[in-house]
N, C-alpha and C. Protein backbone atom coordinates (compact mmCIF):
# COMPACT_ATOMS: atom_id res chain seq x y z
N MET A 1 0.67 -1.23 -0.13
CA MET A 1 0.01 -0.23 0.10
C MET A 1 1.06 1.19 -0.29
N GLU A 2 0.57 2.14 -0.54
CA GLU A 2 1.21 3.41 -0.99
C GLU A 2 1.11 4.18 0.66
N LYS A 3 2.13 5.00 0.84
CA LYS A 3 1.57 6.30 2.06
C LYS A 3 0.65 7.14 1.89
N ARG A 4 0.15 7.63 2.52
CA ARG A 4 -0.87 8.50 2.50
C ARG A 4 -0.80 9.48 3.41
N ARG A 5 -0.92 10.79 3.38
CA ARG A 5 -0.79 11.96 4.41
C ARG A 5 -1.79 11.99 4.89
N TYR A 6 -2.03 12.36 6.18
CA TYR A 6 -3.15 12.66 7.13
C TYR A 6 -2.90 14.03 8.04
N ALA A 7 -3.97 14.66 8.23
CA ALA A 7 -3.58 15.88 9.02
C ALA A 7 -4.75 15.81 10.49
N LEU A 8 -4.54 16.46 11.41
CA LEU A 8 -5.17 16.35 12.80
C LEU A 8 -5.31 17.77 13.10
N ARG A 9 -6.13 18.24 13.61
CA ARG A 9 -6.40 19.21 14.43
C ARG A 9 -7.05 19.06 16.03
N ILE A 10 -6.02 19.33 16.77
CA ILE A 10 -6.20 18.70 18.10
C ILE A 10 -6.16 20.31 19.20
N ALA A 11 -6.88 20.03 20.07
CA ALA A 11 -6.85 20.65 21.20
C ALA A 11 -6.43 20.04 22.35
N TYR A 12 -6.09 20.59 23.37
CA TYR A 12 -5.53 19.91 24.82
C TYR A 12 -5.29 21.12 25.82
N ASP A 13 -5.52 20.46 26.96
CA ASP A 13 -5.42 21.25 28.21
C ASP A 13 -3.86 20.77 28.81
N GLY A 14 -2.92 21.66 28.68
CA GLY A 14 -1.35 21.19 28.78
C GLY A 14 -0.96 21.06 30.41
N GLY A 15 -2.12 21.44 31.14
CA GLY A 15 -2.00 21.05 32.97
C GLY A 15 -1.54 19.54 32.87
N ASP A 16 -1.83 18.32 31.81
CA ASP A 16 -1.32 17.10 32.22
C ASP A 16 -0.49 16.74 31.40
N PHE A 17 0.44 17.92 30.78
CA PHE A 17 1.21 17.20 29.92
C PHE A 17 2.75 18.00 30.13
N ARG A 18 3.75 17.46 29.92
CA ARG A 18 5.17 18.21 30.24
C ARG A 18 5.75 18.86 28.92
N GLY A 19 4.78 19.32 27.96
CA GLY A 19 4.87 20.11 26.86
C GLY A 19 4.34 19.07 25.55
N PHE A 20 4.53 19.58 24.32
CA PHE A 20 4.23 19.12 23.14
C PHE A 20 5.06 17.78 22.99
N GLN A 21 6.42 17.73 22.84
CA GLN A 21 7.82 17.02 22.48
C GLN A 21 7.67 15.54 23.37
N ARG A 22 7.78 14.40 22.78
CA ARG A 22 8.11 13.41 23.61
C ARG A 22 9.27 13.62 24.20
N GLN A 23 8.93 13.19 25.60
CA GLN A 23 10.21 13.23 26.60
C GLN A 23 10.00 11.71 27.63
N PRO A 24 11.26 10.86 27.77
CA PRO A 24 11.28 9.79 28.36
C PRO A 24 10.98 9.97 29.59
N GLY A 25 9.59 8.72 29.98
CA GLY A 25 9.27 8.80 31.38
C GLY A 25 8.30 10.13 31.74
N LEU A 26 8.06 11.24 31.07
CA LEU A 26 7.24 11.95 31.11
C LEU A 26 6.08 12.28 30.10
N PRO A 27 4.60 12.40 30.56
CA PRO A 27 3.66 12.60 29.75
C PRO A 27 3.74 13.93 28.78
N SER A 28 3.43 13.46 27.51
CA SER A 28 3.57 14.48 26.31
C SER A 28 2.46 14.34 25.31
N VAL A 29 2.39 15.34 24.72
CA VAL A 29 0.76 15.41 23.79
C VAL A 29 1.54 14.78 22.46
N GLU A 30 2.70 14.52 22.08
CA GLU A 30 3.34 13.64 21.06
C GLU A 30 3.18 12.31 21.57
N GLN A 31 3.56 12.10 22.65
CA GLN A 31 3.73 10.36 23.35
C GLN A 31 1.88 10.13 23.16
N ALA A 32 0.99 10.64 23.96
CA ALA A 32 -0.24 10.58 23.72
C ALA A 32 -1.06 10.00 22.35
N LEU A 33 -0.69 11.08 21.28
CA LEU A 33 -0.84 10.94 19.89
C LEU A 33 -0.50 9.48 19.30
N LEU A 34 1.01 9.28 19.69
CA LEU A 34 1.67 8.11 19.16
C LEU A 34 0.70 6.59 19.72
N ASP A 35 0.50 6.98 20.82
CA ASP A 35 -0.20 5.87 22.00
C ASP A 35 -1.25 5.71 21.18
N ALA A 36 -2.38 6.44 20.97
CA ALA A 36 -3.58 6.47 20.40
C ALA A 36 -3.45 6.09 18.37
N LEU A 37 -2.53 6.34 18.10
CA LEU A 37 -2.65 6.13 16.51
C LEU A 37 -1.80 4.67 16.70
N ALA A 38 -1.08 4.17 17.93
CA ALA A 38 -0.59 2.87 17.99
C ALA A 38 -1.88 1.75 17.86
N ILE A 39 -2.85 2.34 18.24
CA ILE A 39 -4.11 1.45 18.23
C ILE A 39 -4.70 0.84 17.01
N LEU A 40 -4.17 2.08 15.98
CA LEU A 40 -4.74 1.81 14.40
C LEU A 40 -3.51 1.10 13.99
N GLY A 41 -2.70 0.50 14.56
CA GLY A 41 -1.59 -0.24 14.15
C GLY A 41 -0.37 0.86 13.36
N ILE A 42 -0.25 2.10 13.65
CA ILE A 42 0.56 2.86 12.68
C ILE A 42 1.37 3.46 13.92
N ALA A 43 2.81 3.56 13.32
CA ALA A 43 3.70 4.30 14.33
C ALA A 43 4.62 5.56 13.37
N PRO A 44 3.63 6.67 13.16
CA PRO A 44 4.22 7.70 12.47
C PRO A 44 5.25 8.57 13.05
N ARG A 45 6.14 9.40 12.31
CA ARG A 45 6.67 10.61 12.66
C ARG A 45 5.86 11.84 12.55
N LEU A 46 5.36 12.55 13.94
CA LEU A 46 4.44 13.36 13.74
C LEU A 46 4.91 14.77 13.18
N GLU A 47 4.45 15.64 12.50
CA GLU A 47 5.15 16.95 12.08
C GLU A 47 4.16 17.86 12.80
N VAL A 48 5.20 19.18 13.37
CA VAL A 48 3.90 20.12 13.83
C VAL A 48 4.42 21.50 13.28
N ALA A 49 3.83 22.34 13.62
CA ALA A 49 4.30 23.60 12.98
C ALA A 49 5.16 24.41 14.02
N ALA A 50 4.40 23.81 15.29
CA ALA A 50 5.35 24.56 16.75
C ALA A 50 4.99 23.51 17.68
N ARG A 51 5.75 23.50 18.65
CA ARG A 51 5.57 22.62 19.83
C ARG A 51 5.38 24.01 21.11
N THR A 52 4.71 22.79 21.98
CA THR A 52 4.52 23.97 23.30
C THR A 52 5.15 23.55 24.50
N ASP A 53 5.45 24.47 25.49
CA ASP A 53 5.78 23.94 26.67
C ASP A 53 5.27 23.51 27.72
N ALA A 54 5.63 22.82 28.68
CA ALA A 54 5.03 22.31 30.08
C ALA A 54 3.73 23.34 30.58
N GLY A 55 2.50 22.62 30.41
CA GLY A 55 1.52 23.50 31.18
C GLY A 55 0.74 24.12 29.92
N VAL A 56 1.23 24.51 28.83
CA VAL A 56 0.65 25.25 27.57
C VAL A 56 -0.52 24.65 27.42
N HIS A 57 -2.10 25.38 26.82
CA HIS A 57 -2.98 24.72 26.51
C HIS A 57 -2.66 25.10 24.95
N ALA A 58 -3.56 24.24 24.26
CA ALA A 58 -3.97 24.43 22.84
C ALA A 58 -5.45 24.65 22.36
N LEU A 59 -5.74 25.48 21.86
CA LEU A 59 -7.25 25.47 21.35
C LEU A 59 -7.46 24.88 19.76
N SER A 60 -6.20 25.05 19.28
CA SER A 60 -6.32 24.40 17.86
C SER A 60 -4.88 24.56 17.32
N GLN A 61 -4.46 23.27 17.30
CA GLN A 61 -2.95 22.79 16.87
C GLN A 61 -3.17 21.82 15.72
N PHE A 62 -2.16 21.76 14.87
CA PHE A 62 -2.26 20.90 13.65
C PHE A 62 -1.07 20.07 13.84
N VAL A 63 -1.20 18.85 13.12
CA VAL A 63 -0.28 17.78 13.17
C VAL A 63 -0.40 16.65 11.90
N SER A 64 0.53 16.74 11.63
CA SER A 64 0.24 15.65 9.94
C SER A 64 1.28 14.52 10.17
N PHE A 65 1.09 13.86 9.30
CA PHE A 65 2.02 12.38 9.37
C PHE A 65 1.53 11.70 8.04
N TRP A 66 2.50 10.77 7.75
CA TRP A 66 2.42 9.66 6.67
C TRP A 66 2.36 8.86 6.98
N ALA A 67 1.15 7.43 6.69
CA ALA A 67 1.07 6.08 6.96
C ALA A 67 0.84 5.55 5.82
N ARG A 68 1.13 4.21 5.79
CA ARG A 68 0.56 3.09 4.54
C ARG A 68 -0.42 2.32 5.46
N ALA A 69 -1.63 3.34 5.29
CA ALA A 69 -2.81 2.84 5.82
C ALA A 69 -3.95 3.51 4.95
N ASP A 70 -5.14 3.09 4.91
CA ASP A 70 -6.26 3.62 4.25
C ASP A 70 -7.56 3.91 5.22
N LEU A 71 -7.08 5.00 6.15
CA LEU A 71 -7.75 5.36 7.13
C LEU A 71 -8.91 6.61 6.66
N GLU A 72 -10.17 6.25 7.33
CA GLU A 72 -11.17 7.28 6.94
C GLU A 72 -11.01 8.30 8.23
N PRO A 73 -11.23 9.74 7.58
CA PRO A 73 -10.74 10.41 8.39
C PRO A 73 -11.73 10.63 9.71
N ALA A 74 -13.31 10.38 9.43
CA ALA A 74 -13.64 10.16 10.54
C ALA A 74 -13.53 9.22 11.83
N ALA A 75 -13.36 7.92 10.93
CA ALA A 75 -12.57 6.76 12.08
C ALA A 75 -11.70 7.10 12.66
N LEU A 76 -10.19 7.69 11.73
CA LEU A 76 -9.32 8.40 12.66
C LEU A 76 -9.46 9.14 13.58
N ARG A 77 -10.18 10.32 13.41
CA ARG A 77 -10.54 11.19 14.46
C ARG A 77 -11.28 10.82 15.71
N GLU A 78 -11.99 9.25 15.83
CA GLU A 78 -12.85 8.63 16.75
C GLU A 78 -11.68 8.06 17.29
N ALA A 79 -10.64 7.18 16.49
CA ALA A 79 -9.66 6.42 16.99
C ALA A 79 -8.82 7.27 18.11
N VAL A 80 -8.32 8.22 17.65
CA VAL A 80 -7.49 9.42 18.45
C VAL A 80 -8.20 9.71 19.51
N ASN A 81 -9.17 9.96 19.55
CA ASN A 81 -10.35 10.58 20.76
C ASN A 81 -10.42 9.25 21.78
N ARG A 82 -10.74 8.18 21.34
CA ARG A 82 -11.04 7.28 22.17
C ARG A 82 -9.83 6.64 22.88
N GLY A 83 -8.40 6.68 22.03
CA GLY A 83 -7.23 6.09 22.34
C GLY A 83 -6.12 7.23 23.35
N SER A 84 -6.96 8.80 23.17
CA SER A 84 -6.17 9.89 24.00
C SER A 84 -6.48 9.83 25.50
N PRO A 85 -5.75 10.62 26.33
CA PRO A 85 -6.42 11.09 27.90
C PRO A 85 -7.34 12.19 27.60
N PRO A 86 -8.22 12.30 28.67
CA PRO A 86 -9.22 13.46 28.27
C PRO A 86 -8.71 14.67 28.22
N ALA A 87 -7.80 15.03 28.75
CA ALA A 87 -6.98 16.13 28.25
C ALA A 87 -6.92 16.46 26.68
N LEU A 88 -6.87 15.88 25.96
CA LEU A 88 -6.50 15.99 24.63
C LEU A 88 -7.58 15.34 23.55
N THR A 89 -7.90 16.02 22.84
CA THR A 89 -9.03 16.18 21.84
C THR A 89 -8.83 15.89 20.65
N CYS A 90 -8.90 15.30 19.57
CA CYS A 90 -8.98 15.56 18.08
C CYS A 90 -10.17 15.97 17.51
N LEU A 91 -9.92 17.34 17.01
CA LEU A 91 -11.29 17.91 16.72
C LEU A 91 -11.53 17.97 14.99
N GLU A 92 -10.40 17.52 14.37
CA GLU A 92 -10.80 17.17 13.01
C GLU A 92 -9.39 16.36 12.50
N ALA A 93 -10.08 15.31 11.62
CA ALA A 93 -8.88 14.52 10.53
C ALA A 93 -9.06 14.96 9.49
N TRP A 94 -8.15 14.99 8.42
CA TRP A 94 -8.24 14.60 6.97
C TRP A 94 -7.16 13.94 6.56
N ARG A 95 -7.81 13.68 4.95
CA ARG A 95 -6.58 13.29 4.24
C ARG A 95 -5.89 14.62 3.41
N ALA A 96 -4.25 14.57 3.55
CA ALA A 96 -3.93 15.73 2.72
C ALA A 96 -2.78 15.41 1.66
N GLN A 97 -2.76 16.22 0.85
CA GLN A 97 -1.54 16.13 -0.22
C GLN A 97 -0.41 16.96 0.29
N LEU A 98 0.63 16.54 -0.10
CA LEU A 98 1.71 17.51 0.33
C LEU A 98 1.89 18.76 -0.27
N TYR A 99 1.85 18.72 -1.91
CA TYR A 99 2.23 20.18 -2.68
C TYR A 99 0.91 20.19 -3.20
N ALA A 100 0.30 21.58 -3.63
CA ALA A 100 -0.82 21.98 -4.12
C ALA A 100 -0.07 22.19 -5.70
N PRO A 101 -1.14 21.47 -6.63
CA PRO A 101 -0.45 22.13 -7.98
C PRO A 101 -0.28 23.77 -8.20
N GLU A 102 0.53 24.15 -9.04
CA GLU A 102 1.36 25.50 -9.10
C GLU A 102 0.05 26.17 -9.25
N HIS A 103 -1.01 25.94 -10.20
CA HIS A 103 -1.98 26.96 -10.58
C HIS A 103 -2.91 27.48 -9.07
N LEU A 104 -3.00 26.54 -8.17
CA LEU A 104 -3.62 26.83 -6.99
C LEU A 104 -2.68 27.48 -6.14
N ILE A 105 -1.36 27.31 -5.92
CA ILE A 105 -0.57 28.18 -4.94
C ILE A 105 -0.79 29.80 -5.77
N VAL A 106 -0.62 29.79 -7.02
CA VAL A 106 -0.92 31.08 -7.60
C VAL A 106 -1.90 31.80 -7.37
N SER A 107 -2.99 30.98 -7.59
CA SER A 107 -3.95 31.61 -7.04
C SER A 107 -4.42 32.08 -5.67
N ALA A 108 -3.93 31.34 -4.91
CA ALA A 108 -4.08 31.70 -3.44
C ALA A 108 -2.95 32.76 -3.07
N ALA A 109 -2.24 33.10 -4.05
CA ALA A 109 -1.38 34.36 -3.54
C ALA A 109 -2.15 35.61 -3.67
N GLY A 110 -2.94 35.60 -4.45
CA GLY A 110 -3.87 36.59 -5.05
C GLY A 110 -4.73 36.91 -4.14
N ALA A 111 -5.89 37.45 -4.22
CA ALA A 111 -6.87 38.15 -2.99
C ALA A 111 -8.09 36.98 -3.04
N VAL A 112 -7.96 35.93 -2.05
CA VAL A 112 -8.77 34.97 -2.04
C VAL A 112 -9.45 34.95 -0.68
N ASP A 113 -10.97 34.62 -0.52
CA ASP A 113 -11.54 34.74 0.74
C ASP A 113 -11.01 33.82 1.72
N GLU A 114 -11.09 34.09 2.79
CA GLU A 114 -10.68 33.16 4.08
C GLU A 114 -11.34 31.72 3.86
N ASP A 115 -12.32 31.41 3.39
CA ASP A 115 -12.80 29.98 3.36
C ASP A 115 -12.14 29.09 2.21
N GLU A 116 -11.78 30.00 1.03
CA GLU A 116 -11.09 29.16 0.02
C GLU A 116 -9.66 28.82 0.42
N LEU A 117 -9.02 29.83 1.27
CA LEU A 117 -7.80 29.95 1.75
C LEU A 117 -7.48 28.33 2.68
N LEU A 118 -8.64 28.36 3.10
CA LEU A 118 -8.79 27.30 4.28
C LEU A 118 -9.20 26.07 3.59
N SER A 119 -9.59 25.95 2.81
CA SER A 119 -9.98 24.81 2.08
C SER A 119 -8.68 24.37 1.41
N LEU A 120 -8.02 25.23 0.75
CA LEU A 120 -6.61 24.89 0.12
C LEU A 120 -5.90 24.31 1.29
N ALA A 121 -5.51 25.01 2.32
CA ALA A 121 -4.60 24.38 3.26
C ALA A 121 -5.24 23.11 3.67
N GLU A 122 -6.30 22.87 3.84
CA GLU A 122 -6.95 21.69 4.09
C GLU A 122 -6.70 20.30 3.23
N ARG A 123 -6.48 20.78 2.00
CA ARG A 123 -6.24 19.65 0.84
C ARG A 123 -4.52 19.61 0.78
N TYR A 124 -3.67 20.74 1.08
CA TYR A 124 -2.64 20.59 0.72
C TYR A 124 -1.95 20.89 1.77
N PHE A 125 -1.33 20.08 2.95
CA PHE A 125 -1.40 20.46 4.09
C PHE A 125 -0.21 19.75 4.38
N GLY A 126 0.80 20.62 5.16
CA GLY A 126 1.84 19.60 5.61
C GLY A 126 2.45 20.37 7.02
N ALA A 127 1.90 20.13 8.25
CA ALA A 127 2.12 20.92 9.70
C ALA A 127 3.47 21.66 9.44
N GLY A 128 4.54 20.73 9.39
CA GLY A 128 5.87 21.48 9.83
C GLY A 128 6.45 22.02 8.37
N THR A 129 6.04 21.64 6.97
CA THR A 129 6.66 22.67 6.28
C THR A 129 5.70 23.71 5.28
N ALA A 130 4.46 23.32 5.32
CA ALA A 130 3.41 24.13 4.53
C ALA A 130 2.65 25.21 5.47
N ALA A 131 3.33 25.47 6.68
CA ALA A 131 2.32 26.39 7.46
C ALA A 131 2.70 27.81 6.89
N PHE A 132 1.57 28.55 6.61
CA PHE A 132 1.57 29.66 5.67
C PHE A 132 1.23 30.71 6.96
N LEU A 133 0.87 30.42 8.09
CA LEU A 133 0.53 31.42 9.03
C LEU A 133 0.67 30.63 10.68
N ARG A 134 1.57 31.17 11.44
CA ARG A 134 1.79 30.50 12.70
C ARG A 134 1.04 31.72 13.45
N HIS A 135 0.33 31.37 14.49
CA HIS A 135 -0.52 32.39 15.24
C HIS A 135 -0.47 32.05 16.58
N GLY A 136 0.05 32.64 17.67
CA GLY A 136 -0.09 32.42 19.05
C GLY A 136 -1.16 33.39 20.05
N ARG A 137 -1.84 32.90 21.03
CA ARG A 137 -2.04 34.18 21.96
C ARG A 137 -2.03 33.47 23.41
N ILE A 138 -1.55 34.33 24.27
CA ILE A 138 -1.43 34.07 25.54
C ILE A 138 -2.30 34.65 26.39
N ARG A 139 -3.32 33.74 27.24
CA ARG A 139 -4.12 34.28 28.00
C ARG A 139 -3.84 33.75 29.21
N LEU A 140 -4.16 34.85 30.32
CA LEU A 140 -3.71 34.94 31.73
C LEU A 140 -4.78 34.47 32.58
N SER A 141 -4.88 33.30 33.44
CA SER A 141 -6.42 33.17 33.73
C SER A 141 -5.80 32.33 35.40
N HIS A 142 -6.59 32.58 35.86
CA HIS A 142 -6.32 32.37 37.48
C HIS A 142 -6.92 30.71 37.62
N GLY A 143 -7.18 30.18 36.23
CA GLY A 143 -8.06 28.84 36.30
C GLY A 143 -8.60 28.42 34.81
N LEU A 144 -8.59 27.42 34.85
CA LEU A 144 -9.97 26.76 33.50
C LEU A 144 -10.78 26.46 33.84
N GLU A 145 -11.20 26.24 35.25
CA GLU A 145 -12.50 25.42 35.90
C GLU A 145 -13.52 25.67 34.67
N GLY A 146 -13.85 24.11 34.42
CA GLY A 146 -15.09 23.97 33.51
C GLY A 146 -14.42 24.05 31.97
N TRP A 147 -13.36 24.43 31.67
CA TRP A 147 -12.67 24.26 30.37
C TRP A 147 -12.00 22.87 29.96
N THR A 148 -12.46 22.25 29.18
CA THR A 148 -11.94 21.05 28.45
C THR A 148 -11.69 21.13 26.88
N PRO A 149 -10.55 20.52 26.50
CA PRO A 149 -10.47 20.62 25.01
C PRO A 149 -11.60 20.19 24.45
N ALA A 150 -12.50 19.50 24.79
CA ALA A 150 -13.79 18.79 23.69
C ALA A 150 -14.92 20.07 23.97
N SER A 151 -14.87 21.15 24.88
CA SER A 151 -15.65 22.11 24.99
C SER A 151 -15.40 23.28 23.87
N GLN A 152 -14.28 22.76 22.99
CA GLN A 152 -13.77 24.03 22.21
C GLN A 152 -14.33 24.06 20.65
């Protein structure tokens, strides 16, 4: 079977993790995702546009990976959510291509509406290499009472 590219949009409560990047013996977002994907019989290398530090939450972070598997996006999302701890939620999953055809890149560089640009990003996506926008927001709070990744 040929390799296929997949993308996930995730949210998480960083209080349960020591950051995104896998660290031996410590809980991380990356390890939680890899454990969930292992249930599907895949062990990919995850690509991310940015990693978070210990205790940092994410409302919408993108992850992509290659797998020699034919996964339906809805089933992929459900499996990730079933195999992940409660502090991590997969909001979306989709199949993605690595590179957009040249005519789409040219048209995306011109004036396009946000929905069209997001549609292009969804189809031709690589979290680590094709990010066209990286945005973070720092919010200070006295607590996250009532907040869960699933509520986003």
